[in-house]
Protein backbone atom coordinates (compact mmCIF):
# COMPACT_ATOMS: atom_id res chain seq x y z
CA MET A 1 199.79 98.56 150.20
CA LEU A 2 197.37 96.14 148.57
CA ASN A 3 197.17 95.49 144.87
CA THR A 4 194.79 97.64 142.87
CA PRO A 5 191.80 95.19 142.79
CA HIS A 6 191.81 94.96 146.59
CA ALA A 7 193.14 98.32 147.79
CA LEU A 8 190.25 100.26 146.37
CA LEU A 9 188.20 101.79 149.07
CA LEU A 10 190.19 104.03 151.38
CA VAL A 11 188.81 107.54 151.11
CA CYS A 12 189.56 110.82 152.78
CA LEU A 13 188.64 111.17 156.42
CA VAL A 14 189.55 114.84 156.67
CA GLY A 15 188.76 117.96 154.71
CA ALA A 16 186.15 120.66 154.60
CA THR A 17 184.03 119.42 151.72
CA ASP A 18 183.03 116.12 150.18
CA ALA A 19 185.41 116.54 147.22
CA PHE A 20 188.99 115.58 146.46
CA TYR A 21 191.94 116.26 144.22
CA LYS A 22 192.25 113.73 141.38
CA GLN A 23 195.61 113.63 139.59
CA TRP A 24 196.22 112.13 136.16
CA ILE A 25 199.03 109.57 136.37
CA PRO A 26 200.35 109.05 132.79
CA ASP A 27 202.35 111.73 131.01
CA THR A 28 204.01 112.33 127.66
CA ASN A 29 207.29 113.57 129.09
CA TYR A 30 210.51 113.01 127.18
CA GLU A 31 212.33 112.07 130.41
CA ASN A 32 209.87 109.33 131.37
CA LYS A 33 211.52 106.07 130.31
CA THR A 34 208.18 104.24 130.26
CA ASN A 35 207.22 106.37 127.25
CA TRP A 36 209.90 104.71 125.09
CA ASP A 37 209.70 101.29 123.51
CA LYS A 38 213.22 100.37 124.63
CA GLY A 39 212.36 101.20 128.24
CA ASP A 40 214.97 103.96 128.57
CA VAL A 41 215.41 107.64 127.73
CA PRO A 42 217.30 108.10 124.41
CA CYS A 43 220.97 109.01 124.68
CA GLY A 44 223.44 110.71 122.31
CA SER A 45 223.99 107.65 120.09
CA ASP A 46 220.29 106.86 119.64
CA ARG A 47 217.99 107.71 116.77
CA VAL A 48 214.68 109.08 118.06
CA GLN A 49 211.43 108.46 116.21
CA PHE A 50 207.91 109.82 116.75
CA SER A 51 205.08 108.21 114.79
CA ALA A 52 204.42 110.39 111.76
CA GLN A 53 200.60 110.10 111.90
CA ARG A 54 200.19 110.33 115.69
CA LYS A 55 199.39 113.55 117.46
CA VAL A 56 201.45 114.17 120.56
CA SER A 57 202.38 116.91 123.03
CA VAL A 58 205.77 116.16 124.63
CA PHE A 59 207.20 118.03 127.60
CA VAL A 60 211.00 118.30 127.63
CA GLU A 61 212.48 119.22 131.00
CA THR A 62 216.23 119.27 130.27
CA THR A 63 218.76 119.21 127.39
CA HIS A 64 219.30 115.99 125.41
CA ALA A 65 221.77 114.78 122.80
CA VAL A 66 220.61 112.65 119.86
CA GLN A 67 221.98 111.29 116.61
CA GLU A 68 218.81 112.18 114.73
CA MET A 69 215.09 112.82 115.41
CA GLN A 70 212.04 112.08 113.27
CA LEU A 71 209.15 114.35 114.26
CA PRO A 72 205.40 113.73 113.77
CA VAL A 73 203.36 115.60 111.19
CA ASP A 74 201.14 117.04 113.95
CA GLY A 75 202.60 117.52 117.40
CA GLU A 76 204.56 119.79 119.70
CA LEU A 77 207.56 119.86 122.01
CA ILE A 78 207.01 121.95 125.14
CA LEU A 79 210.47 123.02 126.30
CA ASN A 80 211.10 123.83 129.92
CA SER A 81 213.41 126.74 130.67
CA GLY A 82 216.91 125.75 129.52
CA ALA A 83 215.73 122.55 127.80
CA GLY A 84 216.61 121.63 124.21
CA PHE A 85 218.37 119.18 121.87
CA TYR A 86 221.73 118.98 120.16
CA VAL A 87 223.17 116.50 117.69
CA VAL A 88 226.22 114.42 118.56
CA SER A 89 228.59 113.77 115.69
CA GLY A 90 229.78 110.23 115.84
CA GLN A 91 229.21 107.88 118.71
CA ASP A 92 228.53 109.09 122.23
CA PRO A 93 231.07 107.31 124.47
CA SER A 94 228.66 107.28 127.40
CA CYS A 95 225.87 105.80 125.30
CA GLY A 96 227.40 102.95 123.33
CA ALA A 97 226.57 101.90 119.80
CA GLY A 98 223.10 103.39 119.98
CA VAL A 99 219.68 102.10 118.87
CA ARG A 100 216.56 103.35 117.15
CA THR A 101 214.01 104.10 119.88
CA LYS A 102 210.37 105.00 119.35
CA PHE A 103 208.03 107.14 121.46
CA LYS A 104 204.99 105.10 122.53
CA ASP A 105 201.46 105.85 121.40
CA SER A 106 199.27 107.53 124.05
CA ASP A 107 195.98 107.85 122.13
CA SER A 108 194.42 104.90 123.97
CA LEU A 109 194.59 106.44 127.46
CA GLN A 110 191.01 106.97 128.64
CA TRP A 111 189.69 109.61 131.05
CA PHE A 112 187.32 107.04 132.59
CA ASP A 113 190.02 104.46 133.36
CA PRO A 114 190.17 104.30 137.20
CA ALA A 115 193.73 102.96 137.15
CA LEU A 116 195.01 106.20 135.59
CA TRP A 117 194.03 108.48 138.49
CA GLN A 118 195.30 109.16 142.01
CA ALA A 119 193.19 110.81 144.71
CA ALA A 120 194.22 112.89 147.72
CA ALA A 121 192.64 115.18 150.27
CA THR A 122 194.96 118.14 149.57
CA LEU A 123 197.53 119.27 147.04
CA ASN A 124 200.21 118.68 149.65
CA ASP A 125 199.12 115.05 149.93
CA LEU A 126 199.43 114.71 146.16
CA GLN A 127 203.02 115.95 146.28
CA GLN A 128 203.90 113.70 149.22
CA GLY A 129 202.26 110.65 147.70
CA ASN A 130 199.54 110.25 150.32
CA PHE A 131 197.10 108.82 147.84
CA LEU A 132 193.65 107.50 148.64
CA PHE A 133 191.62 104.70 147.12
CA SER A 134 187.90 104.49 146.43
CA VAL A 135 185.32 102.54 144.50
CA HIS A 136 185.90 102.61 140.76
CA GLU A 137 183.30 105.27 139.93
CA GLU A 138 184.85 107.62 142.48
CA SER A 139 188.44 106.92 141.42
CA VAL A 140 187.66 108.94 138.30
CA PRO A 141 187.14 112.70 138.85
CA CYS A 142 183.67 113.43 140.25
CA GLN A 143 181.61 116.49 139.44
CA HIS A 144 182.84 118.40 142.53
CA ASP A 145 186.53 117.40 142.30
CA ASP A 146 189.63 119.39 141.39
CA VAL A 147 191.54 117.75 138.51
CA VAL A 148 195.31 118.05 138.48
CA PHE A 149 197.76 117.40 135.66
CA LYS A 150 201.36 117.65 136.86
CA ALA A 151 202.94 121.07 136.52
CA LEU A 152 206.11 120.06 134.65
CA SER A 153 204.35 117.61 132.40
CA SER A 154 202.25 117.14 129.31
CA PHE A 155 199.77 114.41 128.49
CA ARG A 156 197.17 113.10 126.05
CA VAL A 157 193.78 111.87 127.29
CA ASP A 158 190.75 110.51 125.45
CA THR A 159 187.57 112.14 126.76
CA HIS A 160 185.00 109.77 125.29
CA SER A 161 181.97 109.83 127.62
CA SER A 162 178.33 108.81 127.79
CA GLN A 163 177.48 112.52 127.87
CA SER A 164 178.54 115.51 125.81
CA THR A 165 180.36 117.13 128.74
CA ILE A 166 182.49 116.00 131.70
CA PRO A 167 181.83 118.51 134.52
CA VAL A 168 184.43 119.08 137.27
CA LYS A 169 185.20 121.88 139.69
CA SER A 170 188.59 122.91 138.24
CA VAL A 171 191.47 121.71 136.06
CA SER A 172 195.18 122.45 136.58
CA VAL A 173 197.42 122.18 133.49
CA LEU A 174 201.14 123.07 133.35
CA GLY A 175 200.85 124.79 136.74
CA GLU A 176 197.85 126.95 135.80
CA THR A 177 194.47 126.33 137.43
CA PHE A 178 191.28 126.91 135.42
CA ASP A 179 187.97 127.31 137.28
CA SER A 180 186.30 129.59 134.73
CA ARG A 181 184.45 127.85 131.94
CA SER A 182 185.22 130.54 129.36
CA GLU A 183 188.95 130.62 130.16
CA PHE A 184 189.28 126.87 130.04
CA SER A 185 187.35 126.73 126.78
CA GLN A 186 189.93 129.09 125.30
CA TYR A 187 192.70 126.80 126.48
CA LEU A 188 190.99 123.75 124.96
CA SER A 189 190.84 125.54 121.62
CA SER A 190 194.57 126.31 121.75
CA ARG A 191 197.15 124.13 120.05
CA SER A 192 198.27 122.49 123.29
CA GLY A 193 194.70 121.95 124.46
CA GLN A 194 193.74 120.19 121.23
CA LEU A 195 196.73 117.86 121.48
CA GLN A 196 196.28 117.11 125.19
CA PHE A 197 192.49 116.57 125.23
CA HIS A 198 190.91 114.63 122.40
CA GLY A 199 187.51 113.01 122.03
CA PRO A 200 183.90 114.06 121.40
CA SER A 201 183.11 115.01 125.03
CA ALA A 202 184.36 118.31 126.44
CA VAL A 203 185.75 118.71 129.94
CA THR A 204 184.03 121.67 131.59
CA VAL A 205 185.04 123.50 134.76
CA GLY A 206 183.18 125.80 137.12
CA ASN A 207 181.08 123.20 138.92
CA PRO A 208 180.46 124.35 142.51
CA SER A 209 181.78 122.62 145.60
CA CYS A 210 179.50 120.18 147.38
CA GLY A 211 177.27 122.30 149.60
CA ASP A 212 175.27 119.46 151.17
CA PRO A 213 176.45 118.50 154.69
CA THR A 214 175.22 114.95 154.08
CA GLY A 215 177.54 114.65 151.07
CA CYS A 216 177.09 114.72 147.31
CA ASP A 217 176.76 112.00 144.73
CA CYS A 218 179.84 111.55 142.55
CA GLY A 219 177.83 111.71 139.34
CA ASN A 220 179.77 109.06 137.44
CA SER A 221 177.11 106.33 137.50
CA VAL A 222 176.07 107.31 133.97
CA ASN A 223 179.53 106.17 132.83
CA HIS A 224 179.58 103.00 134.94
CA GLN A 225 179.81 100.61 131.99
CA ARG A 226 182.55 102.66 130.39
CA ILE A 227 184.50 102.74 133.66
CA CYS A 228 184.14 99.01 134.28
CA GLY A 229 185.10 98.25 130.69
CA SER A 230 188.70 99.14 131.50
CA VAL A 231 188.84 97.24 134.82
CA THR A 232 190.15 93.68 135.23
CA CYS A 233 188.76 92.01 138.34
CA ALA A 234 190.80 89.60 140.44
CA SER A 235 189.28 86.42 141.87
CA VAL A 236 188.18 86.48 145.51
CA SER A 237 188.08 83.57 147.95
CA CYS A 238 185.68 84.75 150.67
CA LYS A 239 182.40 82.98 151.41
CA VAL A 240 180.06 85.70 150.16
CA PRO A 241 181.83 88.26 147.92
CA LEU A 242 180.28 91.71 148.07
CA LEU A 243 179.68 94.19 145.25
CA PRO A 244 179.61 97.79 146.54
CA MET A 245 177.63 100.38 144.61
CA GLY A 246 179.86 102.22 142.17
CA HIS A 247 182.37 99.39 142.08
CA CYS A 248 183.13 97.02 139.21
CA CYS A 249 184.47 93.99 141.12
CA HIS A 250 183.40 91.85 144.06
CA VAL A 251 185.43 92.31 147.23
CA CYS A 252 185.92 90.54 150.56
CA GLY A 253 185.02 92.66 153.56
CA ALA A 254 181.90 94.39 154.85
CA ILE A 255 179.40 97.01 153.69
CA ILE A 256 177.40 99.22 156.05
CA THR A 257 174.45 101.07 154.54
CA ILE A 258 173.37 104.10 156.58
CA SER A 259 170.08 105.96 156.35
CA TYR A 260 170.17 109.44 157.82
CA ALA A 261 168.05 112.41 158.84
CA GLY A 262 168.55 116.13 158.35
CA GLY A 263 171.11 116.49 161.15
CA PHE A 264 173.63 114.09 159.64
CA ASN A 265 177.04 115.48 158.58
CA LEU A 266 179.21 113.25 156.42
CA GLN A 267 182.51 114.96 157.19
CA ASN A 268 181.89 114.88 160.93
CA TYR A 269 181.00 111.21 160.79
CA ARG A 270 184.16 110.46 158.80
CA GLY A 271 186.16 112.14 161.53
CA ARG A 272 184.36 110.14 164.19
CA ILE A 273 185.15 106.81 162.50
CA GLN A 274 188.77 107.90 162.09
CA SER A 275 189.28 108.89 165.73
CA LEU A 276 187.30 106.05 167.32
CA PHE A 277 188.34 103.06 165.23
CA LEU A 278 190.95 103.54 162.52
CA THR A 279 193.55 104.75 165.01
CA GLN A 280 193.33 101.48 166.93
CA PRO A 281 196.29 99.12 166.31
CA GLN A 282 194.10 96.14 165.37
CA TYR A 283 192.53 98.17 162.56
CA GLU A 284 195.63 99.81 161.11
CA SER A 285 195.53 97.59 158.02
CA ILE A 286 191.88 98.39 157.35
CA GLN A 287 190.86 100.33 154.26
CA LEU A 288 187.56 102.13 154.58
CA GLY A 289 185.51 104.05 152.04
CA MET A 290 182.58 106.28 152.89
CA SER A 291 180.46 108.22 150.42
CA LYS A 292 176.91 109.10 149.47
CA VAL A 293 175.26 106.86 146.89
CA LEU A 294 171.85 106.94 145.21
CA LYS A 295 170.29 103.52 145.73
CA PRO A 296 167.65 102.55 143.14
CA GLN A 297 164.16 101.94 144.54
CA ARG A 298 161.86 99.31 143.03
CA VAL A 299 158.20 98.43 143.53
CA LEU A 300 157.95 94.75 144.49
CA GLY A 301 161.66 94.55 143.81
CA VAL A 302 161.09 94.85 140.04
CA ILE A 303 159.62 98.18 138.88
CA PRO A 304 162.01 101.13 139.33
CA PHE A 305 160.51 104.33 140.71
CA GLY A 306 163.43 106.56 141.68
CA THR A 307 166.46 106.57 143.97
CA SER A 308 167.10 106.96 147.67
CA PRO A 309 170.24 108.69 149.02
CA GLU A 310 172.24 106.60 151.47
CA ILE A 311 175.73 106.55 152.97
CA GLN A 312 177.80 103.56 151.91
CA VAL A 313 180.68 102.47 154.14
CA VAL A 314 182.87 99.83 152.50
CA ILE A 315 185.52 98.08 154.60
CA VAL A 316 188.21 95.74 153.24
CA ASP A 317 191.20 94.14 154.88
CA GLY A 318 192.45 91.43 152.54
CA GLU A 319 191.21 88.02 151.44
CA THR A 320 188.82 86.80 154.16
CA GLY A 321 187.00 89.87 155.46
CA ASP A 322 187.07 88.73 159.11
CA LEU A 323 188.80 91.88 160.36
CA SER A 324 186.50 94.04 158.25
CA GLU A 325 183.47 92.43 159.86
CA ALA A 326 184.89 93.03 163.34
CA LEU A 327 185.26 96.75 162.60
CA ALA A 328 181.81 96.83 161.01
CA GLN A 329 180.27 95.32 164.14
CA ASP A 330 181.99 97.98 166.27
CA ILE A 331 180.57 100.69 164.01
CA ILE A 332 177.09 99.16 164.24
CA LYS A 333 177.31 99.15 168.05
CA ASP A 334 178.32 102.80 167.99
CA VAL A 335 175.30 103.56 165.79
CA GLN A 336 173.03 101.74 168.22
CA SER A 337 174.34 103.86 171.10
CA HIS A 338 174.75 107.26 169.46
CA GLY A 339 172.94 107.06 166.11
CA SER A 340 170.09 109.38 167.10
CA LYS A 341 172.57 112.10 168.12
CA LEU A 342 174.47 111.72 164.84
CA GLY A 343 171.38 111.93 162.66
CA ILE A 344 171.49 108.24 161.72
CA THR A 345 168.11 106.51 161.51
CA LYS A 346 169.14 103.05 160.31
CA ALA A 347 172.29 101.01 159.68
CA GLU A 348 172.43 97.69 157.81
CA LEU A 349 175.44 95.37 157.63
CA GLN A 350 176.54 92.91 154.98
CA ALA A 351 179.67 90.84 155.50
CA SER A 352 181.53 88.54 153.12
CA THR A 353 181.54 85.90 155.87
CA GLY A 354 177.80 85.52 155.30
CA ASN A 355 176.63 87.42 158.39
CA THR A 356 174.09 90.20 158.05
CA SER A 357 172.36 92.36 160.63
CA THR A 358 170.02 95.33 160.74
CA PRO A 359 170.12 96.44 164.39
CA GLN A 360 168.67 99.85 163.69
CA SER A 361 165.99 98.72 161.27
CA ASN A 362 163.96 96.38 163.55
CA ALA A 363 162.17 99.14 165.42
CA GLY A 364 161.50 100.93 162.20
CA MET A 365 160.09 97.76 160.67
CA VAL A 366 157.69 97.23 163.60
CA VAL A 367 156.55 100.84 163.40
CA GLY A 368 156.07 100.48 159.65
CA VAL A 369 153.97 97.32 160.00
CA VAL A 370 151.80 98.86 162.73
CA PHE A 371 151.33 102.01 160.66
CA ALA A 372 150.37 99.96 157.59
CA VAL A 373 147.78 97.96 159.57
CA LEU A 374 146.27 101.11 161.09
CA LEU A 375 146.17 102.73 157.66
CA MET A 376 144.32 99.75 156.18
CA ILE A 377 141.78 99.77 159.03
CA ALA A 378 141.22 103.50 158.60
CA LEU A 379 140.65 103.07 154.88
CA VAL A 380 138.10 100.29 155.47
CA VAL A 381 136.20 102.38 158.05
CA ILE A 382 136.15 105.43 155.79
CA LEU A 383 134.93 103.35 152.86
CA ALA A 384 132.15 101.82 154.98
CA VAL A 385 130.97 105.27 156.14
CA LEU A 386 130.92 106.60 152.60
CA ILE A 387 128.92 103.62 151.38
CA ARG A 388 126.45 103.97 154.26
CA LYS A 389 125.86 107.65 153.45
CA GLY A 390 125.41 106.87 149.79
CA MET A 391 128.41 108.90 148.73
CA VAL A 392 130.07 105.83 147.31
CA GLN A 393 128.25 103.00 145.59
CA MET A 394 129.61 99.52 145.36
CA PRO A 395 129.72 98.18 141.81
CA PRO A 396 126.94 95.67 141.09
CA MET A 397 127.92 92.05 141.41
CA PRO A 398 127.54 90.00 138.24
CA SER A 399 124.35 87.87 138.39
CA MET A 400 124.52 84.12 138.10
CA PRO A 401 122.58 82.58 135.21
CA SER A 402 119.16 81.16 136.21
CA LEU A 403 118.45 77.44 135.90
CA SER A 404 115.43 78.33 133.82
CA PHE A 405 117.88 79.47 131.19
CA PHE A 406 118.75 75.87 130.56
CA ARG A 407 115.12 74.67 130.42
CA ARG A 408 113.46 74.04 127.11
CA ASN A 409 110.98 76.74 126.23
CA PRO A 410 108.18 75.24 124.13
CA ASN A 411 107.15 78.66 122.92
CA VAL A 412 110.43 79.31 121.22
CA GLY A 413 110.25 78.33 117.62
CA ASP A 414 112.84 77.23 115.19
CA HIS A 415 113.96 79.22 112.23
CA ASN A 416 110.73 78.30 110.41
CA GLY A 417 108.46 79.57 113.19
CA ALA A 418 107.46 76.06 114.38
CA ALA A 419 108.13 75.06 117.95
CA HIS A 420 111.06 72.77 118.37
CA ARG A 421 109.82 69.83 120.42
CA GLY A 422 112.56 67.25 119.86
CA PHE A 423 111.55 63.68 119.03
CA ASP A 424 107.99 62.33 119.49
CA ASN A 425 107.43 60.09 122.52
CA PRO A 426 104.05 58.38 122.37
CA MET A 427 103.97 57.96 126.12
CA PHE A 428 104.45 61.61 127.05
CA ASP A 429 103.79 63.85 124.11
CA GLN A 430 100.51 62.07 123.10
CA PRO A 431 98.72 60.98 126.25
CA ASP A 432 95.48 60.31 124.33
CA ALA A 433 97.14 57.55 122.44
CA LEU A 434 98.04 55.58 125.55
CA SER A 435 94.69 53.78 125.43
CA ASP A 436 95.59 52.23 122.12
CA ILE A 437 98.55 50.40 123.61
CA PRO A 438 97.40 46.87 124.50
CA GLY A 439 97.68 45.87 128.16
CA LEU A 440 98.71 49.28 129.38
CA TYR A 441 95.91 49.45 131.99
CA GLU A 442 95.41 45.80 132.60
CA SER A 443 95.29 44.73 136.20
CA ASP A 444 98.15 42.27 135.80
CA SER A 445 100.44 44.97 134.46
CA ASN A 446 102.86 46.25 137.09
CA THR A 447 105.39 48.03 134.98
CA ILE A 448 103.71 51.43 134.42
CA ALA A 449 101.21 53.29 136.58
CA LEU A 450 99.31 56.51 136.12
CA THR A 451 98.75 58.82 139.08
CA ARG A 452 97.62 62.41 139.58
CA THR A 453 101.22 63.50 139.68
CA GLY A 454 102.26 61.81 136.50
CA VAL A 455 103.59 58.56 135.13
CA TYR A 456 106.19 56.47 136.86
CA PHE A 457 107.76 53.08 136.39
CA ILE A 458 107.49 50.28 138.91
CA ASN A 459 110.56 48.13 139.51
CA PRO A 460 109.34 44.62 140.30
CA VAL A 461 112.65 43.87 142.09
CA TYR A 462 112.16 46.67 144.60
CA ASP A 463 110.02 45.98 147.70
CA GLU A 464 109.16 49.17 149.51
CA ASN A 465 108.51 47.19 152.73
CA GLU A 466 112.06 45.96 152.89
CA SER A 467 114.82 48.02 154.45
CA ASN A 468 117.74 46.11 152.90
CA PHE A 469 118.57 45.68 149.26
CA SER A 470 119.68 42.38 147.90
CA VAL A 471 119.82 40.75 144.56
């Protein structure tokens, strides 16, 4: 079995519904040596101490001898049939000199800590230890799951949540199963219920089983940050680490994202993957997780506008992900051959080796592009027809400023009513005065000439008969 950061994603491949049994691992049992600071159950020579200000519900399965016992101000001892305590006078020969041992605090144990839960397909699997692994969000009880606290056991769990309630299908406590909201509410208000469940959010039962053949969303994404806050991620060494949806850590392996139609059945497809691939010897070390996820959709990759349901298949095998990719490629080939019969419309592959493929999406992409082009052409034709019939008018184009706007208008006066004419030029503004300028019309003058079209200057250097210019 892999360590917790890597062995995360094996989920049930059998069962009638897309829901599981989730069992709480910690307990507050007197006989559990991990609950004592000395790492062992107190014996007849020991002095037992419970923190005075800590609330606790302790299950005692058998009879125990002690030297003395300090009880908390607020707590309880749940005695199994025939269980109890008695005081040993003097030293217990089988115990030695004896020590003072203290019961550990359990107030910090969080409902949304994935490491504190075990998942199984059936109650029998829970008893036999056939536990399953999944992404972190689904390691915690989902909205359609059955929650189990061990029969001969007590516990204390903090139910802090991002919502006021934590909905599940049912809860089993001390061997009694609650699936009625009113009955479980009565238990929560009892003395044992108040000591076992603490926190502002209330666990509620009565949620229905998943009735969708394509699977149901776990519903724990709203508590993703809270879940990941209690997870410590291990380093990975693969080329392109992958981050599955609903998971807190990057993994080495492969992810297949499946889009489906109405005929898809998640449980049937799980069984198909189990019988076709996971029974093969080369894939016996593979861990595979399959569940429905709600993938966020974004306009231009930025603006969110809802979610799209998809099936996420996560495959891990260890550090490199090579074996995971081999299995993923086999699954993709099976989708190519039989996807239409299974209700699968598209399958995309991501591998931590850096390889990606979308064998089922190419045809869909071509169809989408063709459809988009045809749609644009149709819109243009419709718009042209509407404009031609006068039903739609194009907005007027902004006019460019006329050059006359920049010309000086002699009729426009200044602020005093007089026309603004700039500076006085005796040659242009007062043509009658030109005769007073000596030599202006003399025959030897070749600098200024008057014609019918106006006045122009003659450049003595320029010869209009020459084709080349030279100085």
